[in-house]
C-alpha cells in the first residue's frame, strides 16, 4: 500500500511538471513571423525610409525614432500604450521592443502584444531582443539615442 502512495505522488508530480512545461511553451503570444531581426530595423533606420512606428514598452527608449511608452506592466503605461495605439491606423507598421531581460522573463512584451491583438492591429512586429537590448542591439553597434 505504501508503494501505491509513492507511485501516486510520483504520478501527480509528473503531471504538474508536464503542465508547467506545456504552459511555458504557450507563454509566447507572438509567432516567429512576427519577430523582426535587429539588423532589419537598424538597416531601415540607416536608410531613413519607411520607418515604422517604434514603441519602447520597457524601461527606456534607446532606439532612434522610438516612442517611450514605459514599462507596460505598470497600469499608467498600459494606458499610455492604449492612447498611443488609438491614434494609429489598424494596418500601421508597428515594432515594439523592451530589452530589459530575456523574453522568457520580460514582464512587458506580452501585455503589449495582447493589447495590439485586442485592438486588432494587423501589421506589428516584436524586435528580436531575445537576450536584452545591450547584447542584441547596443553591442552590435546599431544606432542609439544620444
Protein backbone atom coordinates (compact mmCIF):
# COMPACT_ATOMS: atom_id res chain seq x y z
CA UNK A 1 0.00 0.00 0.00
CA UNK A 2 2.90 2.38 0.75
CA UNK A 3 4.33 1.76 -2.72
CA UNK A 4 0.99 2.73 -4.23
CA UNK A 5 1.07 6.08 -2.37
CA UNK A 6 4.60 6.76 -3.58
CA UNK A 7 3.60 5.93 -7.14
CA UNK A 8 0.50 8.12 -6.84
CA UNK A 9 2.57 11.11 -5.64
CA UNK A 10 5.18 10.48 -8.31
CA UNK A 11 2.45 10.43 -10.98
CA UNK A 12 0.96 13.66 -9.56
CA UNK A 13 4.38 15.35 -9.59
CA UNK A 14 4.96 14.25 -13.20
CA UNK A 15 1.57 15.69 -14.22
CA UNK A 16 2.36 19.02 -12.56
CA UNK A 17 5.77 19.13 -14.22
CA UNK A 18 4.22 18.37 -17.62
CA UNK A 19 1.59 21.08 -17.16
CA UNK A 20 4.32 23.59 -16.32
CA UNK A 21 6.23 22.63 -19.47
CA UNK A 22 3.13 23.00 -21.61
CA UNK A 23 2.36 26.37 -20.02
CA UNK A 24 5.94 27.55 -20.60
CA UNK A 25 5.68 26.57 -24.25
CA UNK A 26 2.45 28.57 -24.61
CA UNK A 27 3.76 31.74 -22.98
CA UNK A 28 4.80 33.40 -26.23
CA UNK A 29 1.89 35.29 -27.73
CA UNK A 30 3.76 36.06 -30.94
CA UNK A 31 4.79 33.95 -33.90
CA UNK A 32 8.24 33.60 -35.42
CA UNK A 33 6.92 35.57 -38.41
CA UNK A 34 6.19 38.47 -36.08
CA UNK A 35 9.79 38.66 -34.87
CA UNK A 36 11.90 41.34 -36.53
CA UNK A 37 15.65 40.90 -36.51
CA UNK A 38 17.57 43.86 -35.08
CA UNK A 39 19.65 44.15 -38.28
CA UNK A 40 16.44 44.65 -40.29
CA UNK A 41 15.31 47.58 -38.14
CA UNK A 42 18.85 49.02 -37.99
CA UNK A 43 19.02 48.97 -41.81
CA UNK A 44 15.63 50.68 -42.06
CA UNK A 45 16.79 53.39 -39.66
CA UNK A 46 20.02 53.85 -41.60
CA UNK A 47 18.15 54.17 -44.91
CA UNK A 48 15.75 56.61 -43.22
CA UNK A 49 12.87 55.36 -45.40
CA UNK A 50 9.57 53.82 -44.41
CA UNK A 51 10.39 53.89 -40.71
CA UNK A 52 7.69 52.02 -38.77
CA UNK A 53 6.11 53.25 -35.58
CA UNK A 54 8.59 52.04 -32.97
CA UNK A 55 7.27 51.66 -29.44
CA UNK A 56 9.53 51.13 -26.45
CA UNK A 57 7.40 49.21 -23.96
CA UNK A 58 10.23 48.79 -21.46
CA UNK A 59 12.32 50.90 -19.12
CA UNK A 60 13.68 53.35 -21.71
CA UNK A 61 13.62 54.36 -25.36
CA UNK A 62 17.12 53.69 -26.69
CA UNK A 63 16.39 53.20 -30.39
CA UNK A 64 16.08 56.34 -32.55
CA UNK A 65 12.54 57.31 -33.58
CA UNK A 66 11.04 55.17 -30.82
CA UNK A 67 8.22 56.41 -28.65
CA UNK A 68 8.87 55.89 -24.95
CA UNK A 69 5.74 54.23 -23.60
CA UNK A 70 7.37 52.93 -20.44
CA UNK A 71 7.00 49.54 -18.82
CA UNK A 72 3.51 48.37 -19.83
CA UNK A 73 3.45 46.01 -16.88
CA UNK A 74 2.59 49.21 -14.97
CA UNK A 75 -1.02 50.39 -15.27
CA UNK A 76 -0.30 54.02 -16.19
CA UNK A 77 2.00 52.93 -19.04
CA UNK A 78 -0.55 50.45 -20.35
CA UNK A 79 -2.98 53.37 -20.53
CA UNK A 80 -0.31 55.36 -22.39
CA UNK A 81 0.10 52.46 -24.84
CA UNK A 82 -3.67 52.30 -25.42
CA UNK A 83 -3.79 56.05 -26.03
CA UNK A 84 -0.86 55.90 -28.48
CA UNK A 85 -2.33 52.95 -30.36
CA UNK A 86 -5.77 54.55 -30.57
CA UNK A 87 -4.26 57.28 -32.79
CA UNK A 88 -2.84 54.79 -35.32
CA UNK A 89 -4.34 53.01 -38.30
CA UNK A 90 -5.03 49.31 -37.65
CA UNK A 91 -2.67 48.42 -40.51
CA UNK A 92 0.17 50.74 -39.41
CA UNK A 93 3.56 49.06 -39.33
CA UNK A 94 4.48 48.84 -35.66
CA UNK A 95 7.60 47.48 -33.98
CA UNK A 96 7.62 47.01 -30.23
CA UNK A 97 10.61 46.33 -28.04
CA UNK A 98 11.60 46.15 -24.42
CA UNK A 99 15.06 44.67 -24.00
CA UNK A 100 15.12 44.70 -20.20
CA UNK A 101 15.76 40.98 -19.95
CA UNK A 102 15.36 37.72 -21.88
CA UNK A 103 11.95 37.17 -23.49
CA UNK A 104 11.05 34.35 -21.10
CA UNK A 105 11.25 36.75 -18.12
CA UNK A 106 10.09 40.01 -19.70
CA UNK A 107 7.00 41.44 -17.98
CA UNK A 108 6.30 43.97 -20.74
CA UNK A 109 6.21 42.43 -24.20
CA UNK A 110 3.33 40.02 -23.67
CA UNK A 111 0.90 42.65 -22.33
CA UNK A 112 1.87 44.97 -25.21
CA UNK A 113 1.24 42.25 -27.79
CA UNK A 114 -2.04 41.34 -26.10
CA UNK A 115 -3.09 44.96 -26.46
CA UNK A 116 -2.13 45.06 -30.15
CA UNK A 117 -4.18 41.94 -30.75
CA UNK A 118 -7.12 43.15 -28.68
CA UNK A 119 -7.18 46.41 -30.65
CA UNK A 120 -7.00 44.39 -33.90
CA UNK A 121 -3.69 45.68 -35.26
CA UNK A 122 -2.57 43.60 -38.21
CA UNK A 123 1.00 44.69 -39.02
CA UNK A 124 3.06 44.55 -35.85
CA UNK A 125 6.40 43.01 -35.01
CA UNK A 126 8.40 42.28 -31.90
CA UNK A 127 12.03 43.32 -32.17
CA UNK A 128 14.02 40.16 -31.55
CA UNK A 129 15.97 41.27 -28.49
CA UNK A 130 15.75 37.78 -27.05
CA UNK A 131 18.61 38.31 -24.57
CA UNK A 132 18.44 42.06 -23.85
CA UNK A 133 18.98 45.37 -25.61
CA UNK A 134 22.64 45.61 -24.62
CA UNK A 135 23.54 42.23 -26.13
CA UNK A 136 21.20 42.22 -29.13
CA UNK A 137 21.34 45.91 -30.15
CA UNK A 138 23.92 48.14 -28.46
CA UNK A 139 26.89 45.74 -28.58
CA UNK A 140 26.28 45.24 -32.31
CA UNK A 141 26.78 48.94 -32.94
CA UNK A 142 23.21 49.63 -34.00
CA UNK A 143 22.04 53.26 -33.64
CA UNK A 144 21.02 54.56 -30.23
CA UNK A 145 19.58 57.79 -28.95
CA UNK A 146 22.33 60.12 -27.69
